[in-house]
Amino acid sequence: MDMSGALELHRSFFEQSRIPLRLACLTRQGWPLVVSLWFLYENEKIYCATQESAKIIAHLRQNSRCAFEIASDLPPYRGVRGQGEAALRPELGRATLERLVARYLSGRQTPLGKNLLARADAEIAIEIRPLRIFAWDFTRRMAGSIAGTPS
């Protein structure tokens, strides 16, 4: 299925969002597992990074099918969720982490940035190829219903 049109519609949401992506997979025992990861969107794919020793990496090696959601917990509610295939890309781990630190933190020299980058050699990139996309935006519906918002 060609997802380019659907992904293009949501490109600005992907690029503007500074909230973590929720990534879901199945464990070897068949239980769902959800983790929150920083993400970036590029070339119709979503990229995350985590330590190669993270449990989600082992689960995605076993079964590459995944689901994801990028949505704020604060009103007005809007977001994107979908299903896809995850590819593990160790060769992109360091570069992806560096880009994520630049995207989510105020600089590489912050204490958290330094800590994360000090372990960059053990990072692995997760490349998600979306196969289905679902989106919602309740901004209009919720106008005037939320304290401090115009009606």
N, C-alpha and C. Protein backbone atom coordinates (compact mmCIF):
# COMPACT_ATOMS: atom_id res chain seq x y z
N MET A 1 0.84 -1.17 0.00
CA MET A 1 0.00 0.00 0.00
C MET A 1 0.89 1.24 0.00
N ASP A 2 0.61 2.19 -0.89
CA ASP A 2 1.38 3.43 -0.96
C ASP A 2 0.88 4.39 0.11
N MET A 3 1.78 4.71 1.03
CA MET A 3 1.41 5.58 2.15
C MET A 3 1.86 7.01 1.94
N SER A 4 2.50 7.34 0.82
CA SER A 4 3.10 8.65 0.66
C SER A 4 2.09 9.78 0.80
N GLY A 5 0.89 9.64 0.25
CA GLY A 5 -0.11 10.70 0.37
C GLY A 5 -0.56 10.91 1.81
N ALA A 6 -0.85 9.83 2.51
CA ALA A 6 -1.29 9.93 3.90
C ALA A 6 -0.19 10.50 4.78
N LEU A 7 1.04 10.06 4.55
CA LEU A 7 2.15 10.57 5.36
C LEU A 7 2.40 12.04 5.08
N GLU A 8 2.27 12.44 3.83
CA GLU A 8 2.50 13.84 3.48
C GLU A 8 1.49 14.75 4.19
N LEU A 9 0.24 14.30 4.31
CA LEU A 9 -0.78 15.08 5.01
C LEU A 9 -0.38 15.35 6.46
N HIS A 10 0.35 14.44 7.07
CA HIS A 10 0.69 14.55 8.48
C HIS A 10 2.13 14.99 8.72
N ARG A 11 2.85 15.33 7.64
CA ARG A 11 4.25 15.72 7.76
C ARG A 11 4.45 16.86 8.76
N SER A 12 3.64 17.91 8.68
CA SER A 12 3.85 19.04 9.59
C SER A 12 3.62 18.63 11.04
N PHE A 13 2.65 17.76 11.29
CA PHE A 13 2.43 17.30 12.66
C PHE A 13 3.64 16.52 13.16
N PHE A 14 4.17 15.63 12.32
CA PHE A 14 5.36 14.86 12.69
C PHE A 14 6.53 15.79 12.98
N GLU A 15 6.73 16.77 12.11
CA GLU A 15 7.90 17.63 12.23
C GLU A 15 7.79 18.63 13.37
N GLN A 16 6.58 19.08 13.69
CA GLN A 16 6.40 20.07 14.76
C GLN A 16 6.31 19.44 16.14
N SER A 17 5.92 18.21 16.23
CA SER A 17 5.71 17.57 17.53
C SER A 17 7.03 17.33 18.24
N ARG A 18 7.08 17.72 19.50
CA ARG A 18 8.25 17.47 20.34
C ARG A 18 7.86 16.57 21.51
N ILE A 19 6.84 15.76 21.27
CA ILE A 19 6.39 14.80 22.27
C ILE A 19 6.92 13.43 21.88
N PRO A 20 7.09 12.54 22.83
CA PRO A 20 7.58 11.20 22.47
C PRO A 20 6.56 10.41 21.67
N LEU A 21 7.06 9.51 20.89
CA LEU A 21 6.26 8.54 20.18
C LEU A 21 6.06 7.35 21.11
N ARG A 22 4.88 6.79 21.10
CA ARG A 22 4.64 5.54 21.84
C ARG A 22 4.76 4.41 20.83
N LEU A 23 5.67 3.50 21.09
CA LEU A 23 5.92 2.39 20.17
C LEU A 23 5.47 1.10 20.84
N ALA A 24 4.65 0.34 20.13
CA ALA A 24 4.13 -0.92 20.67
C ALA A 24 4.63 -2.09 19.84
N CYS A 25 4.92 -3.18 20.55
CA CYS A 25 5.32 -4.43 19.89
C CYS A 25 4.76 -5.57 20.73
N LEU A 26 4.99 -6.79 20.27
CA LEU A 26 4.58 -7.96 21.04
C LEU A 26 5.82 -8.62 21.62
N THR A 27 5.71 -9.05 22.88
CA THR A 27 6.82 -9.78 23.50
C THR A 27 6.82 -11.21 22.97
N ARG A 28 7.84 -11.94 23.30
CA ARG A 28 7.92 -13.35 22.88
C ARG A 28 6.78 -14.17 23.46
N GLN A 29 6.25 -13.74 24.60
CA GLN A 29 5.14 -14.44 25.24
C GLN A 29 3.78 -13.98 24.69
N GLY A 30 3.80 -13.05 23.73
CA GLY A 30 2.56 -12.59 23.11
C GLY A 30 1.90 -11.42 23.79
N TRP A 31 2.55 -10.83 24.79
CA TRP A 31 1.98 -9.68 25.49
C TRP A 31 2.36 -8.39 24.79
N PRO A 32 1.45 -7.41 24.74
CA PRO A 32 1.82 -6.13 24.16
C PRO A 32 2.76 -5.36 25.10
N LEU A 33 3.68 -4.64 24.51
CA LEU A 33 4.62 -3.80 25.24
C LEU A 33 4.63 -2.44 24.58
N VAL A 34 4.52 -1.38 25.37
CA VAL A 34 4.55 -0.02 24.84
C VAL A 34 5.69 0.73 25.51
N VAL A 35 6.50 1.40 24.69
CA VAL A 35 7.57 2.24 25.22
C VAL A 35 7.47 3.62 24.58
N SER A 36 7.92 4.62 25.29
CA SER A 36 7.95 5.99 24.77
C SER A 36 9.36 6.32 24.33
N LEU A 37 9.48 6.80 23.10
CA LEU A 37 10.79 7.13 22.53
C LEU A 37 10.71 8.45 21.78
N TRP A 38 11.81 9.19 21.79
CA TRP A 38 11.90 10.36 20.93
C TRP A 38 11.89 9.88 19.49
N PHE A 39 11.41 10.73 18.58
CA PHE A 39 11.34 10.32 17.18
C PHE A 39 11.66 11.49 16.25
N LEU A 40 11.96 11.15 15.03
CA LEU A 40 12.03 12.13 13.95
C LEU A 40 11.47 11.47 12.70
N TYR A 41 10.99 12.30 11.81
CA TYR A 41 10.34 11.83 10.59
C TYR A 41 11.17 12.27 9.39
N GLU A 42 11.48 11.33 8.51
CA GLU A 42 12.30 11.65 7.34
C GLU A 42 12.06 10.61 6.25
N ASN A 43 11.88 11.08 5.03
CA ASN A 43 11.71 10.19 3.87
C ASN A 43 10.61 9.15 4.09
N GLU A 44 9.49 9.61 4.63
CA GLU A 44 8.31 8.78 4.85
C GLU A 44 8.54 7.64 5.83
N LYS A 45 9.54 7.81 6.69
CA LYS A 45 9.82 6.83 7.74
C LYS A 45 9.97 7.57 9.06
N ILE A 46 9.75 6.84 10.14
CA ILE A 46 9.90 7.39 11.49
C ILE A 46 11.11 6.71 12.10
N TYR A 47 11.97 7.53 12.72
CA TYR A 47 13.19 7.00 13.32
C TYR A 47 13.20 7.28 14.82
N CYS A 48 13.61 6.28 15.57
CA CYS A 48 13.82 6.38 17.02
C CYS A 48 15.20 5.79 17.29
N ALA A 49 15.67 5.94 18.50
CA ALA A 49 16.93 5.30 18.89
C ALA A 49 16.83 4.87 20.34
N THR A 50 17.48 3.77 20.65
CA THR A 50 17.55 3.27 22.02
C THR A 50 18.79 2.40 22.14
N GLN A 51 19.11 2.04 23.34
CA GLN A 51 20.26 1.17 23.57
C GLN A 51 20.00 -0.21 22.96
N GLU A 52 21.02 -0.79 22.40
CA GLU A 52 20.87 -2.11 21.78
C GLU A 52 20.43 -3.16 22.79
N SER A 53 20.71 -2.93 24.07
CA SER A 53 20.32 -3.88 25.11
C SER A 53 18.87 -3.72 25.57
N ALA A 54 18.16 -2.72 25.05
CA ALA A 54 16.76 -2.49 25.46
C ALA A 54 15.89 -3.68 25.05
N LYS A 55 14.94 -4.01 25.90
CA LYS A 55 14.07 -5.16 25.63
C LYS A 55 13.28 -5.01 24.34
N ILE A 56 12.90 -3.78 24.00
CA ILE A 56 12.10 -3.62 22.78
C ILE A 56 12.89 -4.05 21.55
N ILE A 57 14.21 -3.91 21.60
CA ILE A 57 15.03 -4.34 20.46
C ILE A 57 14.93 -5.85 20.28
N ALA A 58 15.03 -6.59 21.36
CA ALA A 58 14.90 -8.06 21.28
C ALA A 58 13.53 -8.45 20.74
N HIS A 59 12.49 -7.76 21.18
CA HIS A 59 11.14 -8.09 20.73
C HIS A 59 10.95 -7.77 19.25
N LEU A 60 11.50 -6.64 18.80
CA LEU A 60 11.37 -6.28 17.39
C LEU A 60 12.22 -7.20 16.50
N ARG A 61 13.29 -7.72 17.03
CA ARG A 61 14.07 -8.72 16.27
C ARG A 61 13.22 -9.97 16.04
N GLN A 62 12.43 -10.32 17.03
CA GLN A 62 11.57 -11.51 16.96
C GLN A 62 10.39 -11.28 16.02
N ASN A 63 9.82 -10.08 16.06
CA ASN A 63 8.63 -9.75 15.28
C ASN A 63 8.69 -8.26 14.95
N SER A 64 8.88 -7.93 13.69
CA SER A 64 9.09 -6.53 13.29
C SER A 64 7.79 -5.73 13.19
N ARG A 65 6.64 -6.40 13.30
CA ARG A 65 5.38 -5.65 13.24
C ARG A 65 5.23 -4.80 14.49
N CYS A 66 4.79 -3.57 14.31
CA CYS A 66 4.66 -2.66 15.44
C CYS A 66 3.49 -1.71 15.21
N ALA A 67 3.18 -0.97 16.25
CA ALA A 67 2.20 0.10 16.17
C ALA A 67 2.81 1.31 16.86
N PHE A 68 2.31 2.48 16.53
CA PHE A 68 2.86 3.70 17.11
C PHE A 68 1.76 4.74 17.28
N GLU A 69 2.02 5.67 18.18
CA GLU A 69 1.11 6.79 18.39
C GLU A 69 1.94 8.01 18.76
N ILE A 70 1.59 9.13 18.16
CA ILE A 70 2.18 10.42 18.50
C ILE A 70 1.00 11.31 18.83
N ALA A 71 0.80 11.59 20.11
CA ALA A 71 -0.37 12.35 20.54
C ALA A 71 -0.09 13.00 21.89
N SER A 72 -0.58 14.20 22.03
CA SER A 72 -0.44 14.90 23.30
C SER A 72 -1.49 14.41 24.29
N ASP A 73 -1.13 14.46 25.55
CA ASP A 73 -2.10 14.13 26.60
C ASP A 73 -2.92 15.34 27.00
N LEU A 74 -2.58 16.50 26.47
CA LEU A 74 -3.26 17.74 26.83
C LEU A 74 -4.23 18.15 25.74
N PRO A 75 -5.38 18.70 26.12
CA PRO A 75 -6.34 19.16 25.13
C PRO A 75 -5.84 20.43 24.43
N PRO A 76 -6.31 20.69 23.22
CA PRO A 76 -7.25 19.88 22.44
C PRO A 76 -6.53 18.64 21.90
N TYR A 77 -7.22 17.53 21.93
CA TYR A 77 -6.62 16.26 21.58
C TYR A 77 -6.45 16.15 20.06
N ARG A 78 -5.23 15.76 19.67
CA ARG A 78 -4.94 15.50 18.26
C ARG A 78 -3.75 14.58 18.19
N GLY A 79 -3.67 13.84 17.12
CA GLY A 79 -2.53 12.95 17.00
C GLY A 79 -2.60 12.07 15.78
N VAL A 80 -1.61 11.22 15.69
CA VAL A 80 -1.48 10.27 14.59
C VAL A 80 -1.10 8.93 15.20
N ARG A 81 -1.73 7.88 14.73
CA ARG A 81 -1.32 6.54 15.15
C ARG A 81 -1.29 5.66 13.91
N GLY A 82 -0.60 4.57 14.03
CA GLY A 82 -0.53 3.70 12.87
C GLY A 82 0.12 2.37 13.18
N GLN A 83 0.24 1.59 12.14
CA GLN A 83 0.89 0.29 12.20
C GLN A 83 2.00 0.28 11.17
N GLY A 84 3.04 -0.49 11.45
CA GLY A 84 4.14 -0.52 10.51
C GLY A 84 5.09 -1.68 10.74
N GLU A 85 6.17 -1.65 9.99
CA GLU A 85 7.25 -2.62 10.10
C GLU A 85 8.47 -1.88 10.61
N ALA A 86 9.13 -2.45 11.61
CA ALA A 86 10.32 -1.84 12.19
C ALA A 86 11.57 -2.56 11.68
N ALA A 87 12.52 -1.79 11.23
CA ALA A 87 13.83 -2.33 10.85
C ALA A 87 14.85 -1.81 11.85
N LEU A 88 15.71 -2.67 12.33
CA LEU A 88 16.75 -2.27 13.28
C LEU A 88 17.99 -1.90 12.49
N ARG A 89 18.50 -0.68 12.73
CA ARG A 89 19.60 -0.13 11.95
C ARG A 89 20.74 0.31 12.86
N PRO A 90 21.59 -0.61 13.29
CA PRO A 90 22.69 -0.25 14.18
C PRO A 90 23.63 0.78 13.58
N GLU A 91 23.81 0.75 12.26
CA GLU A 91 24.72 1.70 11.62
C GLU A 91 24.23 3.14 11.68
N LEU A 92 22.94 3.33 11.99
CA LEU A 92 22.37 4.68 12.11
C LEU A 92 22.18 5.11 13.56
N GLY A 93 22.55 4.26 14.51
CA GLY A 93 22.28 4.53 15.91
C GLY A 93 22.85 5.84 16.41
N ARG A 94 24.15 6.05 16.27
CA ARG A 94 24.79 7.27 16.77
C ARG A 94 24.22 8.52 16.10
N ALA A 95 24.16 8.51 14.78
CA ALA A 95 23.68 9.69 14.05
C ALA A 95 22.23 10.01 14.41
N THR A 96 21.40 8.98 14.55
CA THR A 96 20.00 9.20 14.92
C THR A 96 19.91 9.79 16.32
N LEU A 97 20.67 9.25 17.25
CA LEU A 97 20.66 9.79 18.62
C LEU A 97 21.11 11.25 18.62
N GLU A 98 22.14 11.59 17.89
CA GLU A 98 22.61 12.98 17.84
C GLU A 98 21.52 13.90 17.32
N ARG A 99 20.80 13.47 16.30
CA ARG A 99 19.71 14.29 15.76
C ARG A 99 18.55 14.40 16.75
N LEU A 100 18.27 13.32 17.47
CA LEU A 100 17.19 13.35 18.46
C LEU A 100 17.54 14.28 19.62
N VAL A 101 18.78 14.25 20.07
CA VAL A 101 19.22 15.15 21.14
C VAL A 101 19.08 16.59 20.68
N ALA A 102 19.47 16.89 19.45
CA ALA A 102 19.33 18.25 18.92
C ALA A 102 17.87 18.66 18.82
N ARG A 103 17.01 17.73 18.49
CA ARG A 103 15.57 18.02 18.32
C ARG A 103 14.85 18.23 19.65
N TYR A 104 15.17 17.44 20.65
CA TYR A 104 14.40 17.44 21.89
C TYR A 104 15.02 18.22 23.04
N LEU A 105 16.31 18.44 23.00
CA LEU A 105 16.96 19.14 24.11
C LEU A 105 17.43 20.51 23.65
N SER A 106 17.73 21.37 24.61
CA SER A 106 18.18 22.72 24.26
C SER A 106 19.65 22.75 23.86
N GLY A 107 20.28 21.62 23.80
CA GLY A 107 21.67 21.55 23.35
C GLY A 107 22.34 20.26 23.75
N ARG A 108 23.40 19.96 23.03
CA ARG A 108 24.16 18.74 23.31
C ARG A 108 24.89 18.82 24.64
N GLN A 109 25.10 20.04 25.12
CA GLN A 109 25.91 20.22 26.33
C GLN A 109 25.08 20.20 27.61
N THR A 110 23.80 19.91 27.51
CA THR A 110 22.99 19.77 28.72
C THR A 110 23.43 18.49 29.44
N PRO A 111 23.19 18.39 30.74
CA PRO A 111 23.57 17.16 31.44
C PRO A 111 22.97 15.90 30.80
N LEU A 112 21.69 15.95 30.43
CA LEU A 112 21.07 14.79 29.80
C LEU A 112 21.69 14.51 28.44
N GLY A 113 21.90 15.56 27.66
CA GLY A 113 22.52 15.39 26.34
C GLY A 113 23.89 14.74 26.44
N LYS A 114 24.70 15.21 27.37
CA LYS A 114 26.04 14.63 27.56
C LYS A 114 25.94 13.16 27.97
N ASN A 115 25.02 12.87 28.87
CA ASN A 115 24.85 11.49 29.34
C ASN A 115 24.44 10.56 28.20
N LEU A 116 23.47 10.99 27.42
CA LEU A 116 23.00 10.15 26.31
C LEU A 116 24.08 9.95 25.26
N LEU A 117 24.77 11.03 24.91
CA LEU A 117 25.78 10.94 23.86
C LEU A 117 27.01 10.16 24.30
N ALA A 118 27.26 10.10 25.60
CA ALA A 118 28.40 9.32 26.11
C ALA A 118 28.20 7.83 25.86
N ARG A 119 26.95 7.41 25.66
CA ARG A 119 26.64 5.99 25.43
C ARG A 119 26.21 5.73 23.99
N ALA A 120 26.52 6.66 23.10
CA ALA A 120 26.01 6.60 21.73
C ALA A 120 26.50 5.38 20.94
N ASP A 121 27.65 4.84 21.31
CA ASP A 121 28.16 3.67 20.57
C ASP A 121 27.27 2.44 20.73
N ALA A 122 26.47 2.41 21.78
CA ALA A 122 25.57 1.27 22.01
C ALA A 122 24.15 1.54 21.52
N GLU A 123 23.94 2.66 20.82
CA GLU A 123 22.60 2.99 20.32
C GLU A 123 22.31 2.24 19.03
N ILE A 124 21.05 1.95 18.85
CA ILE A 124 20.57 1.33 17.61
C ILE A 124 19.35 2.14 17.16
N ALA A 125 19.28 2.41 15.88
CA ALA A 125 18.13 3.13 15.35
C ALA A 125 17.01 2.14 15.03
N ILE A 126 15.80 2.58 15.28
CA ILE A 126 14.60 1.83 14.89
C ILE A 126 13.97 2.63 13.76
N GLU A 127 13.89 2.02 12.59
CA GLU A 127 13.32 2.67 11.41
C GLU A 127 11.94 2.08 11.17
N ILE A 128 10.92 2.90 11.32
CA ILE A 128 9.54 2.42 11.19
C ILE A 128 9.00 2.83 9.82
N ARG A 129 8.56 1.86 9.07
CA ARG A 129 7.91 2.11 7.78
C ARG A 129 6.41 1.96 8.00
N PRO A 130 5.70 3.10 8.09
CA PRO A 130 4.26 3.02 8.34
C PRO A 130 3.52 2.32 7.20
N LEU A 131 2.60 1.45 7.58
CA LEU A 131 1.76 0.74 6.61
C LEU A 131 0.32 1.23 6.66
N ARG A 132 -0.11 1.71 7.83
CA ARG A 132 -1.45 2.27 8.01
C ARG A 132 -1.32 3.48 8.92
N ILE A 133 -2.09 4.51 8.62
CA ILE A 133 -2.06 5.75 9.40
C ILE A 133 -3.50 6.15 9.74
N PHE A 134 -3.71 6.55 10.97
CA PHE A 134 -5.00 7.06 11.43
C PHE A 134 -4.71 8.38 12.15
N ALA A 135 -5.52 9.39 11.92
CA ALA A 135 -5.27 10.68 12.56
C ALA A 135 -6.57 11.24 13.11
N TRP A 136 -6.44 12.09 14.11
CA TRP A 136 -7.58 12.78 14.69
C TRP A 136 -7.14 14.16 15.15
N ASP A 137 -8.08 15.09 15.10
CA ASP A 137 -7.83 16.45 15.57
C ASP A 137 -9.15 17.00 16.08
N PHE A 138 -9.25 17.13 17.40
CA PHE A 138 -10.48 17.61 18.02
C PHE A 138 -10.39 19.10 18.37
N THR A 139 -9.47 19.83 17.74
CA THR A 139 -9.29 21.24 18.05
C THR A 139 -10.59 22.02 17.88
N ARG A 140 -11.24 21.87 16.73
CA ARG A 140 -12.50 22.60 16.50
C ARG A 140 -13.60 22.13 17.45
N ARG A 141 -13.72 20.84 17.60
CA ARG A 141 -14.77 20.27 18.44
C ARG A 141 -14.64 20.74 19.88
N MET A 142 -13.41 20.92 20.34
CA MET A 142 -13.18 21.27 21.74
C MET A 142 -13.06 22.77 21.97
N ALA A 143 -13.13 23.57 20.91
CA ALA A 143 -13.01 25.02 21.05
C ALA A 143 -14.04 25.54 22.05
N GLY A 144 -13.58 26.33 22.98
CA GLY A 144 -14.46 26.91 23.98
C GLY A 144 -14.79 25.98 25.13
N SER A 145 -14.40 24.73 25.04
CA SER A 145 -14.69 23.77 26.09
C SER A 145 -13.55 23.61 27.08
N ILE A 146 -12.42 24.17 26.73
CA ILE A 146 -11.23 24.03 27.56
C ILE A 146 -10.92 25.37 28.20
N ALA A 147 -10.69 25.36 29.49
CA ALA A 147 -10.39 26.60 30.20
C ALA A 147 -9.22 27.31 29.53
N GLY A 148 -9.41 28.60 29.25
CA GLY A 148 -8.33 29.40 28.68
C GLY A 148 -8.22 29.36 27.17
N THR A 149 -9.17 28.70 26.47
CA THR A 149 -9.10 28.68 25.01
C THR A 149 -10.26 29.48 24.44
N PRO A 150 -10.03 30.13 23.30
CA PRO A 150 -11.12 30.89 22.68
C PRO A 150 -12.19 29.97 22.12
N SER A 151 -13.43 30.47 22.09
CA SER A 151 -14.51 29.65 21.53
C SER A 151 -14.72 29.94 20.07
